[in-house]
PDB file of N, CA and C in Angstrom:
ATOM      1  N   ASP A   1      72.287  44.508  33.427  1.00  0.00           N
ATOM      2  CA  ASP A   1      73.275  45.596  33.653  1.00  0.00           C
ATOM      3  C   ASP A   1      74.250  45.576  32.510  1.00  0.00           C
ATOM      4  N   ARG A   2      74.373  46.566  31.818  1.00  0.00           N
ATOM      5  CA  ARG A   2      75.233  46.634  30.799  1.00  0.00           C
ATOM      6  C   ARG A   2      76.592  47.608  31.009  1.00  0.00           C
ATOM      7  N   ALA A   3      76.970  47.670  32.376  1.00  0.00           N
ATOM      8  CA  ALA A   3      77.844  48.777  32.859  1.00  0.00           C
ATOM      9  C   ALA A   3      79.451  48.218  32.339  1.00  0.00           C
ATOM     10  N   GLN A   4      79.286  46.869  32.456  1.00  0.00           N
ATOM     11  CA  GLN A   4      80.809  46.318  31.992  1.00  0.00           C
ATOM     12  C   GLN A   4      81.014  46.273  30.634  1.00  0.00           C
ATOM     13  N   LEU A   5      80.082  46.590  29.681  1.00  0.00           N
ATOM     14  CA  LEU A   5      80.356  46.614  28.337  1.00  0.00           C
ATOM     15  C   LEU A   5      81.057  47.726  27.755  1.00  0.00           C
ATOM     16  N   LYS A   6      81.179  48.927  28.669  1.00  0.00           N
ATOM     17  CA  LYS A   6      81.932  49.952  28.360  1.00  0.00           C
ATOM     18  C   LYS A   6      81.883  50.628  26.799  1.00  0.00           C
ATOM     19  N   GLY A   7      80.826  50.612  26.249  1.00  0.00           N
ATOM     20  CA  GLY A   7      80.630  51.037  24.817  1.00  0.00           C
ATOM     21  C   GLY A   7      81.126  50.051  23.770  1.00  0.00           C
ATOM     22  N   SER A   8      81.385  48.942  24.161  1.00  0.00           N
ATOM     23  CA  SER A   8      81.653  47.892  23.116  1.00  0.00           C
ATOM     24  C   SER A   8      80.283  47.397  22.491  1.00  0.00           C
ATOM     25  N   PRO A   9      80.491  46.978  21.249  1.00  0.00           N
ATOM     26  CA  PRO A   9      79.072  46.356  20.596  1.00  0.00           C
ATOM     27  C   PRO A   9      78.797  45.047  21.220  1.00  0.00           C
ATOM     28  N   VAL A  10      77.494  45.120  21.434  1.00  0.00           N
ATOM     29  CA  VAL A  10      76.880  43.842  21.711  1.00  0.00           C
ATOM     30  C   VAL A  10      76.460  43.080  20.510  1.00  0.00           C
ATOM     31  N   VAL A  11      76.947  41.896  20.354  1.00  0.00           N
ATOM     32  CA  VAL A  11      76.565  41.279  19.166  1.00  0.00           C
ATOM     33  C   VAL A  11      75.689  40.144  19.335  1.00  0.00           C
ATOM     34  N   ARG A  12      75.682  39.176  20.464  1.00  0.00           N
ATOM     35  CA  ARG A  12      74.947  38.123  20.756  1.00  0.00           C
ATOM     36  C   ARG A  12      74.581  38.123  22.242  1.00  0.00           C
ATOM     37  N   ARG A  13      73.414  37.175  22.378  1.00  0.00           N
ATOM     38  CA  ARG A  13      73.068  36.832  23.873  1.00  0.00           C
ATOM     39  C   ARG A  13      73.236  35.385  23.919  1.00  0.00           C
ATOM     40  N   PHE A  14      73.671  35.068  25.133  1.00  0.00           N
ATOM     41  CA  PHE A  14      73.892  33.661  25.714  1.00  0.00           C
ATOM     42  C   PHE A  14      73.387  33.583  26.957  1.00  0.00           C
ATOM     43  N   GLU A  15      72.510  32.603  27.189  1.00  0.00           N
ATOM     44  CA  GLU A  15      71.931  32.444  28.685  1.00  0.00           C
ATOM     45  C   GLU A  15      72.391  31.036  29.225  1.00  0.00           C
ATOM     46  N   GLY A  16      73.487  31.436  30.018  1.00  0.00           N
ATOM     47  CA  GLY A  16      74.077  30.241  30.754  1.00  0.00           C
ATOM     48  C   GLY A  16      75.434  30.769  31.521  1.00  0.00           C
ATOM     49  N   SER A  17      76.007  29.813  32.217  1.00  0.00           N
ATOM     50  CA  SER A  17      77.206  30.127  32.982  1.00  0.00           C
ATOM     51  C   SER A  17      78.524  30.567  32.115  1.00  0.00           C
ATOM     52  N   SER A  18      79.582  30.960  32.762  1.00  0.00           N
ATOM     53  CA  SER A  18      80.828  31.189  31.895  1.00  0.00           C
ATOM     54  C   SER A  18      81.419  29.912  31.533  1.00  0.00           C
ATOM     55  N   GLN A  19      81.204  28.903  32.175  1.00  0.00           N
ATOM     56  CA  GLN A  19      81.752  27.472  32.107  1.00  0.00           C
ATOM     57  C   GLN A  19      81.006  27.047  30.756  1.00  0.00           C
ATOM     58  N   GLU A  20      79.659  27.076  30.758  1.00  0.00           N
ATOM     59  CA  GLU A  20      78.851  26.464  29.647  1.00  0.00           C
ATOM     60  C   GLU A  20      79.214  27.210  28.365  1.00  0.00           C
ATOM     61  N   PHE A  21      79.536  28.605  28.551  1.00  0.00           N
ATOM     62  CA  PHE A  21      79.898  29.361  27.390  1.00  0.00           C
ATOM     63  C   PHE A  21      81.305  28.817  26.866  1.00  0.00           C
ATOM     64  N   ARG A  22      82.204  28.633  27.695  1.00  0.00           N
ATOM     65  CA  ARG A  22      83.683  28.145  27.231  1.00  0.00           C
ATOM     66  C   ARG A  22      83.436  26.838  26.565  1.00  0.00           C
ATOM     67  N   GLN A  23      82.500  25.938  27.101  1.00  0.00           N
ATOM     68  CA  GLN A  23      82.461  24.654  26.651  1.00  0.00           C
ATOM     69  C   GLN A  23      81.853  24.564  25.117  1.00  0.00           C
ATOM     70  N   ARG A  24      80.782  25.505  25.039  1.00  0.00           N
ATOM     71  CA  ARG A  24      80.135  25.534  23.650  1.00  0.00           C
ATOM     72  C   ARG A  24      80.920  26.284  22.661  1.00  0.00           C
ATOM     73  N   TRP A  25      81.884  27.387  23.137  1.00  0.00           N
ATOM     74  CA  TRP A  25      82.727  27.950  22.361  1.00  0.00           C
ATOM     75  C   TRP A  25      83.928  27.058  21.903  1.00  0.00           C
ATOM     76  N   GLN A  26      84.494  26.162  22.645  1.00  0.00           N
ATOM     77  CA  GLN A  26      85.498  25.188  22.439  1.00  0.00           C
ATOM     78  C   GLN A  26      84.883  24.281  21.083  1.00  0.00           C
ATOM     79  N   GLU A  27      83.576  23.625  21.558  1.00  0.00           N
ATOM     80  CA  GLU A  27      83.185  22.628  20.542  1.00  0.00           C
ATOM     81  C   GLU A  27      82.996  23.346  19.220  1.00  0.00           C
ATOM     82  N   ALA A  28      82.532  24.569  19.161  1.00  0.00           N
ATOM     83  CA  ALA A  28      82.271  25.348  18.018  1.00  0.00           C
ATOM     84  C   ALA A  28      83.637  25.645  17.293  1.00  0.00           C
ATOM     85  N   VAL A  29      84.601  26.295  17.916  1.00  0.00           N
ATOM     86  CA  VAL A  29      85.901  26.845  17.596  1.00  0.00           C
ATOM     87  C   VAL A  29      86.759  25.749  16.905  1.00  0.00           C
ATOM     88  N   SER A  30      86.589  24.602  17.264  1.00  0.00           N
ATOM     89  CA  SER A  30      87.223  23.312  16.830  1.00  0.00           C
ATOM     90  C   SER A  30      87.168  23.137  15.398  1.00  0.00           C
ATOM     91  N   ASP A  31      85.829  23.700  14.824  1.00  0.00           N
ATOM     92  CA  ASP A  31      85.704  23.283  13.540  1.00  0.00           C
ATOM     93  C   ASP A  31      85.916  24.667  12.539  1.00  0.00           C
ATOM     94  N   SER A  32      86.681  25.549  13.251  1.00  0.00           N
ATOM     95  CA  SER A  32      86.860  26.773  12.471  1.00  0.00           C
ATOM     96  C   SER A  32      88.388  27.048  12.075  1.00  0.00           C
ATOM     97  N   LYS A  33      88.599  28.205  11.544  1.00  0.00           N
ATOM     98  CA  LYS A  33      90.108  28.509  11.151  1.00  0.00           C
ATOM     99  C   LYS A  33      90.688  29.267  12.338  1.00  0.00           C
ATOM    100  N   LEU A  34      90.004  29.556  13.388  1.00  0.00           N
ATOM    101  CA  LEU A  34      90.400  30.393  14.573  1.00  0.00           C
ATOM    102  C   LEU A  34      91.355  29.656  15.407  1.00  0.00           C
ATOM    103  N   LEU A  35      92.481  30.196  15.839  1.00  0.00           N
ATOM    104  CA  LEU A  35      93.447  29.737  16.860  1.00  0.00           C
ATOM    105  C   LEU A  35      93.557  30.769  18.155  1.00  0.00           C
ATOM    106  N   GLY A  36      93.409  30.305  19.248  1.00  0.00           N
ATOM    107  CA  GLY A  36      93.555  31.003  20.381  1.00  0.00           C
ATOM    108  C   GLY A  36      93.595  30.320  21.608  1.00  0.00           C
ATOM    109  N   ARG A  37      93.489  31.179  22.891  1.00  0.00           N
ATOM    110  CA  ARG A  37      93.652  30.705  24.060  1.00  0.00           C
ATOM    111  C   ARG A  37      92.547  31.267  24.985  1.00  0.00           C
ATOM    112  N   TRP A  38      92.224  30.743  26.171  1.00  0.00           N
ATOM    113  CA  TRP A  38      91.194  31.419  27.199  1.00  0.00           C
ATOM    114  C   TRP A  38      92.364  32.300  28.234  1.00  0.00           C
ATOM    115  N   LEU A  39      91.809  33.396  28.500  1.00  0.00           N
ATOM    116  CA  LEU A  39      92.463  34.197  29.312  1.00  0.00           C
ATOM    117  C   LEU A  39      92.044  33.903  30.770  1.00  0.00           C
ATOM    118  N   CYS A  40      92.689  34.028  31.891  1.00  0.00           N
ATOM    119  CA  CYS A  40      92.177  33.825  33.098  1.00  0.00           C
ATOM    120  C   CYS A  40      92.165  34.945  33.985  1.00  0.00           C
ATOM    121  N   GLY A  41      91.465  34.937  35.179  1.00  0.00           N
ATOM    122  CA  GLY A  41      91.403  36.044  36.079  1.00  0.00           C
ATOM    123  C   GLY A  41      89.982  36.593  36.437  1.00  0.00           C
ATOM    124  N   THR A  42      89.201  36.175  35.563  1.00  0.00           N
ATOM    125  CA  THR A  42      87.701  36.794  35.672  1.00  0.00           C
ATOM    126  C   THR A  42      86.875  35.823  35.630  1.00  0.00           C
ATOM    127  N   LYS A  43      85.445  36.191  36.346  1.00  0.00           N
ATOM    128  CA  LYS A  43      84.453  35.186  36.287  1.00  0.00           C
ATOM    129  C   LYS A  43      83.628  35.112  34.900  1.00  0.00           C
ATOM    130  N   ASP A  44      83.998  36.070  34.017  1.00  0.00           N
ATOM    131  CA  ASP A  44      83.507  36.290  32.782  1.00  0.00           C
ATOM    132  C   ASP A  44      84.439  35.326  31.910  1.00  0.00           C
ATOM    133  N   ALA A  45      84.132  34.822  30.628  1.00  0.00           N
ATOM    134  CA  ALA A  45      84.873  34.009  29.879  1.00  0.00           C
ATOM    135  C   ALA A  45      85.263  34.971  28.868  1.00  0.00           C
ATOM    136  N   ARG A  46      86.808  34.912  28.764  1.00  0.00           N
ATOM    137  CA  ARG A  46      87.586  35.702  27.746  1.00  0.00           C
ATOM    138  C   ARG A  46      88.553  34.899  26.928  1.00  0.00           C
ATOM    139  N   TRP A  47      88.462  34.948  25.779  1.00  0.00           N
ATOM    140  CA  TRP A  47      89.175  34.117  24.674  1.00  0.00           C
ATOM    141  C   TRP A  47      89.831  35.099  23.623  1.00  0.00           C
ATOM    142  N   ARG A  48      91.120  34.875  23.569  1.00  0.00           N
ATOM    143  CA  ARG A  48      91.958  35.930  22.756  1.00  0.00           C
ATOM    144  C   ARG A  48      92.486  34.895  21.633  1.00  0.00           C
ATOM    145  N   GLY A  49      92.447  35.540  20.392  1.00  0.00           N
ATOM    146  CA  GLY A  49      93.047  34.847  19.397  1.00  0.00           C
ATOM    147  C   GLY A  49      92.584  35.282  17.905  1.00  0.00           C
ATOM    148  N   GLY A  50      92.841  34.682  16.851  1.00  0.00           N
ATOM    149  CA  GLY A  50      92.257  34.984  15.559  1.00  0.00           C
ATOM    150  C   GLY A  50      92.661  34.151  14.564  1.00  0.00           C
ATOM    151  N   LEU A  51      93.007  34.522  13.284  1.00  0.00           N
ATOM    152  CA  LEU A  51      93.429  33.575  12.260  1.00  0.00           C
ATOM    153  C   LEU A  51      94.984  33.254  12.325  1.00  0.00           C
ATOM    154  N   GLN A  52      95.721  33.992  13.107  1.00  0.00           N
ATOM    155  CA  GLN A  52      97.066  33.627  13.341  1.00  0.00           C
ATOM    156  C   GLN A  52      97.200  33.481  14.671  1.00  0.00           C
ATOM    157  N   GLU A  53      98.297  32.726  15.249  1.00  0.00           N
ATOM    158  CA  GLU A  53      98.697  32.457  16.515  1.00  0.00           C
ATOM    159  C   GLU A  53      98.942  33.642  17.318  1.00  0.00           C
ATOM    160  N   ASP A  54      99.342  34.777  16.924  1.00  0.00           N
ATOM    161  CA  ASP A  54      99.926  35.703  17.790  1.00  0.00           C
ATOM    162  C   ASP A  54      98.760  36.961  17.561  1.00  0.00           C
ATOM    163  N   SER A  55      97.449  36.588  17.126  1.00  0.00           N
ATOM    164  CA  SER A  55      96.345  37.584  17.038  1.00  0.00           C
ATOM    165  C   SER A  55      95.812  38.035  18.479  1.00  0.00           C
ATOM    166  N   THR A  56      95.407  39.175  18.636  1.00  0.00           N
ATOM    167  CA  THR A  56      94.801  39.638  19.881  1.00  0.00           C
ATOM    168  C   THR A  56      93.504  40.089  19.983  1.00  0.00           C
ATOM    169  N   HIS A  57      92.579  39.668  19.026  1.00  0.00           N
ATOM    170  CA  HIS A  57      91.304  39.765  18.914  1.00  0.00           C
ATOM    171  C   HIS A  57      90.592  39.150  20.262  1.00  0.00           C
ATOM    172  N   GLU A  58      89.292  39.649  20.597  1.00  0.00           N
ATOM    173  CA  GLU A  58      88.805  38.867  21.905  1.00  0.00           C
ATOM    174  C   GLU A  58      87.427  38.776  21.726  1.00  0.00           C
ATOM    175  N   VAL A  59      87.036  37.535  22.207  1.00  0.00           N
ATOM    176  CA  VAL A  59      85.511  37.438  22.408  1.00  0.00           C
ATOM    177  C   VAL A  59      85.312  37.379  24.056  1.00  0.00           C
ATOM    178  N   ARG A  60      84.295  38.149  24.429  1.00  0.00           N
ATOM    179  CA  ARG A  60      84.204  38.076  25.939  1.00  0.00           C
ATOM    180  C   ARG A  60      82.566  37.695  25.926  1.00  0.00           C
ATOM    181  N   TYR A  61      82.486  37.023  27.176  1.00  0.00           N
ATOM    182  CA  TYR A  61      81.073  36.642  27.554  1.00  0.00           C
ATOM    183  C   TYR A  61      80.988  37.375  28.871  1.00  0.00           C
ATOM    184  N   ILE A  62      80.148  38.256  28.996  1.00  0.00           N
ATOM    185  CA  ILE A  62      79.786  39.135  30.180  1.00  0.00           C
ATOM    186  C   ILE A  62      78.734  38.357  30.843  1.00  0.00           C
ATOM    187  N   LEU A  63      78.949  37.682  31.972  1.00  0.00           N
ATOM    188  CA  LEU A  63      77.998  36.769  32.520  1.00  0.00           C
ATOM    189  C   LEU A  63      76.765  37.735  33.057  1.00  0.00           C
ATOM    190  N   ARG A  64      76.984  38.765  33.656  1.00  0.00           N
ATOM    191  CA  ARG A  64      75.932  39.516  34.500  1.00  0.00           C
ATOM    192  C   ARG A  64      75.184  40.027  33.312  1.00  0.00           C
ATOM    193  N   ALA A  65      75.529  40.404  32.456  1.00  0.00           N
ATOM    194  CA  ALA A  65      74.766  40.938  31.278  1.00  0.00           C
ATOM    195  C   ALA A  65      74.283  39.998  30.126  1.00  0.00           C
ATOM    196  N   GLN A  66      74.755  38.718  30.217  1.00  0.00           N
ATOM    197  CA  GLN A  66      74.486  37.641  29.363  1.00  0.00           C
ATOM    198  C   GLN A  66      74.639  37.992  28.055  1.00  0.00           C
ATOM    199  N   ARG A  67      75.705  38.625  27.802  1.00  0.00           N
ATOM    200  CA  ARG A  67      76.093  39.179  26.468  1.00  0.00           C
ATOM    201  C   ARG A  67      77.335  38.914  25.920  1.00  0.00           C
ATOM    202  N   VAL A  68      77.536  38.755  24.571  1.00  0.00           N
ATOM    203  CA  VAL A  68      78.904  38.217  24.023  1.00  0.00           C
ATOM    204  C   VAL A  68      79.256  39.516  23.362  1.00  0.00           C
ATOM    205  N   VAL A  69      80.533  39.978  23.447  1.00  0.00           N
ATOM    206  CA  VAL A  69      81.009  40.956  22.611  1.00  0.00           C
ATOM    207  C   VAL A  69      82.319  40.873  21.808  1.00  0.00           C
ATOM    208  N   LEU A  70      82.330  41.296  20.708  1.00  0.00           N
ATOM    209  CA  LEU A  70      83.850  40.889  20.209  1.00  0.00           C
ATOM    210  C   LEU A  70      84.548  42.232  20.147  1.00  0.00           C
ATOM    211  N   LEU A  71      85.867  42.147  20.477  1.00  0.00           N
ATOM    212  CA  LEU A  71      86.912  43.174  20.447  1.00  0.00           C
ATOM    213  C   LEU A  71      87.884  42.781  19.331  1.00  0.00           C
ATOM    214  N   LEU A  72      87.868  43.729  18.274  1.00  0.00           N
ATOM    215  CA  LEU A  72      88.916  43.407  16.973  1.00  0.00           C
ATOM    216  C   LEU A  72      90.048  44.498  17.427  1.00  0.00           C
ATOM    217  N   SER A  73      91.148  43.958  17.219  1.00  0.00           N
ATOM    218  CA  SER A  73      92.574  44.532  17.064  1.00  0.00           C
ATOM    219  C   SER A  73      92.686  45.228  15.648  1.00  0.00           C
ATOM    220  N   PRO A  74      93.312  46.314  15.583  1.00  0.00           N
ATOM    221  CA  PRO A  74      93.542  46.877  14.348  1.00  0.00           C
ATOM    222  C   PRO A  74      94.561  46.521  13.416  1.00  0.00           C
ATOM    223  N   GLU A  75      94.186  45.083  12.793  1.00  0.00           N
ATOM    224  CA  GLU A  75      95.212  44.460  12.018  1.00  0.00           C
ATOM    225  C   GLU A  75      94.521  44.041  10.879  1.00  0.00           C
ATOM    226  N   PRO A  76      95.314  43.659   9.568  1.00  0.00           N
ATOM    227  CA  PRO A  76      94.591  43.538   8.513  1.00  0.00           C
ATOM    228  C   PRO A  76      93.611  42.422   8.323  1.00  0.00           C
ATOM    229  N   SER A  77      93.747  41.478   9.319  1.00  0.00           N
ATOM    230  CA  SER A  77      92.839  40.274   9.183  1.00  0.00           C
ATOM    231  C   SER A  77      91.644  40.486  10.079  1.00  0.00           C
ATOM    232  N   ALA A  78      91.322  41.696  10.500  1.00  0.00           N
ATOM    233  CA  ALA A  78      90.185  41.907  11.433  1.00  0.00           C
ATOM    234  C   ALA A  78      88.963  41.620  10.709  1.00  0.00           C
ATOM    235  N   ALA A  79      88.622  41.808   9.522  1.00  0.00           N
ATOM    236  CA  ALA A  79      87.304  41.804   8.785  1.00  0.00           C
ATOM    237  C   ALA A  79      87.167  40.320   8.874  1.00  0.00           C
ATOM    238  N   LEU A  80      88.126  39.440   8.359  1.00  0.00           N
ATOM    239  CA  LEU A  80      88.043  38.102   8.267  1.00  0.00           C
ATOM    240  C   LEU A  80      87.769  37.411   9.580  1.00  0.00           C
ATOM    241  N   THR A  81      88.434  37.838  10.716  1.00  0.00           N
ATOM    242  CA  THR A  81      88.250  37.398  12.021  1.00  0.00           C
ATOM    243  C   THR A  81      86.823  37.625  12.633  1.00  0.00           C
ATOM    244  N   PHE A  82      86.451  38.657  12.271  1.00  0.00           N
ATOM    245  CA  PHE A  82      84.919  38.972  12.594  1.00  0.00           C
ATOM    246  C   PHE A  82      84.054  37.996  11.899  1.00  0.00           C
ATOM    247  N   THR A  83      84.113  37.798  10.699  1.00  0.00           N
ATOM    248  CA  THR A  83      83.373  36.789  10.090  1.00  0.00           C
ATOM    249  C   THR A  83      83.486  35.338  10.685  1.00  0.00           C
ATOM    250  N   GLU A  84      84.714  34.961  11.036  1.00  0.00           N
ATOM    251  CA  GLU A  84      84.909  33.663  11.801  1.00  0.00           C
ATOM    252  C   GLU A  84      84.216  33.647  13.110  1.00  0.00           C
ATOM    253  N   PHE A  85      84.360  34.718  13.768  1.00  0.00           N
ATOM    254  CA  PHE A  85      83.799  34.808  15.164  1.00  0.00           C
ATOM    255  C   PHE A  85      82.395  34.560  14.992  1.00  0.00           C
ATOM    256  N   ARG A  86      81.584  35.264  14.139  1.00  0.00           N
ATOM    257  CA  ARG A  86      80.048  35.226  13.874  1.00  0.00           C
ATOM    258  C   ARG A  86      79.727  33.825  13.440  1.00  0.00           C
ATOM    259  N   LYS A  87      80.564  33.126  12.570  1.00  0.00           N
ATOM    260  CA  LYS A  87      80.193  31.742  12.221  1.00  0.00           C
ATOM    261  C   LYS A  87      80.417  30.710  13.311  1.00  0.00           C
ATOM    262  N   VAL A  88      81.464  30.959  14.325  1.00  0.00           N
ATOM    263  CA  VAL A  88      81.391  30.099  15.508  1.00  0.00           C
ATOM    264  C   VAL A  88      80.331  30.325  16.465  1.00  0.00           C
ATOM    265  N   LEU A  89      79.781  31.508  16.591  1.00  0.00           N
ATOM    266  CA  LEU A  89      78.850  31.929  17.436  1.00  0.00           C
ATOM    267  C   LEU A  89      77.237  31.554  16.938  1.00  0.00           C
ATOM    268  N   ASN A  90      77.308  31.344  15.695  1.00  0.00           N
ATOM    269  CA  ASN A  90      76.056  31.159  15.036  1.00  0.00           C
ATOM    270  C   ASN A  90      75.369  29.796  15.370  1.00  0.00           C
ATOM    271  N   GLY A  91      73.904  29.614  15.825  1.00  0.00           N
ATOM    272  CA  GLY A  91      73.189  28.481  16.073  1.00  0.00           C
ATOM    273  C   GLY A  91      73.265  28.198  17.624  1.00  0.00           C
ATOM    274  N   TRP A  92      74.120  28.799  18.304  1.00  0.00           N
ATOM    275  CA  TRP A  92      74.017  28.385  19.780  1.00  0.00           C
ATOM    276  C   TRP A  92      73.903  29.739  20.675  1.00  0.00           C
ATOM    277  N   THR A  93      73.882  30.726  19.924  1.00  0.00           N
ATOM    278  CA  THR A  93      73.586  32.123  20.527  1.00  0.00           C
ATOM    279  C   THR A  93      72.552  32.771  19.978  1.00  0.00           C
ATOM    280  N   LYS A  94      71.960  33.774  20.629  1.00  0.00           N
ATOM    281  CA  LYS A  94      70.782  34.403  20.036  1.00  0.00           C
ATOM    282  C   LYS A  94      71.176  35.849  19.474  1.00  0.00           C
ATOM    283  N   PRO A  95      70.581  36.579  18.541  1.00  0.00           N
ATOM    284  CA  PRO A  95      70.695  37.768  18.125  1.00  0.00           C
ATOM    285  C   PRO A  95      70.400  38.725  19.354  1.00  0.00           C
ATOM    286  N   ASP A  96      70.910  39.905  19.184  1.00  0.00           N
ATOM    287  CA  ASP A  96      70.637  40.896  20.249  1.00  0.00           C
ATOM    288  C   ASP A  96      70.022  42.221  19.693  1.00  0.00           C
ATOM    289  N   ASP A  97      69.248  42.937  20.344  1.00  0.00           N
ATOM    290  CA  ASP A  97      68.667  44.220  19.762  1.00  0.00           C
ATOM    291  C   ASP A  97      69.671  45.361  19.430  1.00  0.00           C
ATOM    292  N   VAL A  98      70.834  45.127  19.647  1.00  0.00           N
ATOM    293  CA  VAL A  98      71.835  46.070  19.288  1.00  0.00           C
ATOM    294  C   VAL A  98      72.646  45.615  18.041  1.00  0.00           C
ATOM    295  N   HIS A  99      72.830  46.468  16.998  1.00  0.00           N
ATOM    296  CA  HIS A  99      73.501  46.175  15.813  1.00  0.00           C
ATOM    297  C   HIS A  99      74.929  45.643  16.067  1.00  0.00           C
ATOM    298  N   SER A 100      75.499  44.670  15.473  1.00  0.00           N
ATOM    299  CA  SER A 100      76.800  44.111  15.422  1.00  0.00           C
ATOM    300  C   SER A 100      77.761  44.803  14.610  1.00  0.00           C
ATOM    301  N   VAL A 101      78.339  45.783  15.101  1.00  0.00           N
ATOM    302  CA  VAL A 101      79.329  46.430  14.465  1.00  0.00           C
ATOM    303  C   VAL A 101      80.780  46.278  15.142  1.00  0.00           C
ATOM    304  N   PRO A 102      81.508  45.783  14.556  1.00  0.00           N
ATOM    305  CA  PRO A 102      82.836  45.407  15.140  1.00  0.00           C
ATOM    306  C   PRO A 102      83.658  46.662  15.493  1.00  0.00           C
ATOM    307  N   ILE A 103      84.285  46.447  16.749  1.00  0.00           N
ATOM    308  CA  ILE A 103      85.068  47.705  17.361  1.00  0.00           C
ATOM    309  C   ILE A 103      86.531  47.408  17.313  1.00  0.00           C
ATOM    310  N   CYS A 104      87.377  48.261  17.080  1.00  0.00           N
ATOM    311  CA  CYS A 104      88.792  48.072  17.069  1.00  0.00           C
ATOM    312  C   CYS A 104      89.307  48.835  18.050  1.00  0.00           C
ATOM    313  N   GLY A 105      90.207  48.192  18.822  1.00  0.00           N
ATOM    314  CA  GLY A 105      90.921  48.890  19.958  1.00  0.00           C
ATOM    315  C   GLY A 105      92.298  49.345  19.593  1.00  0.00           C
ATOM    316  N   SER A 106      92.803  50.164  20.249  1.00  0.00           N
ATOM    317  CA  SER A 106      94.164  50.809  19.880  1.00  0.00           C
ATOM    318  C   SER A 106      95.290  49.957  20.274  1.00  0.00           C
ATOM    319  N   PRO A 107      96.143  49.984  19.587  1.00  0.00           N
ATOM    320  CA  PRO A 107      97.416  49.000  19.758  1.00  0.00           C
ATOM    321  C   PRO A 107      98.071  49.303  21.120  1.00  0.00           C
TER     322      PRO A 107
END
């Protein structure tokens, strides 16, 4: 069910729980340039961050759809952040049949 995706680009597949996603993300992000934190309040995993401490880009794991989506804020470092997100997700997530095109949200 992709109803929760709301038009966001699906970029990767992950088959596991939200807790497993958080654990794998934490392990992978520790070797990257990304800075951020987990957001609370949902059964899905949501991480907000980027290349600077105050970045508002998000990585969301939608449990029911078993998909990872990237939501980029309209800021100058968005393209570099997207590249870092893809590096962190590489190797432990699977490609999806939808092209990975970053989407920028409004401020």
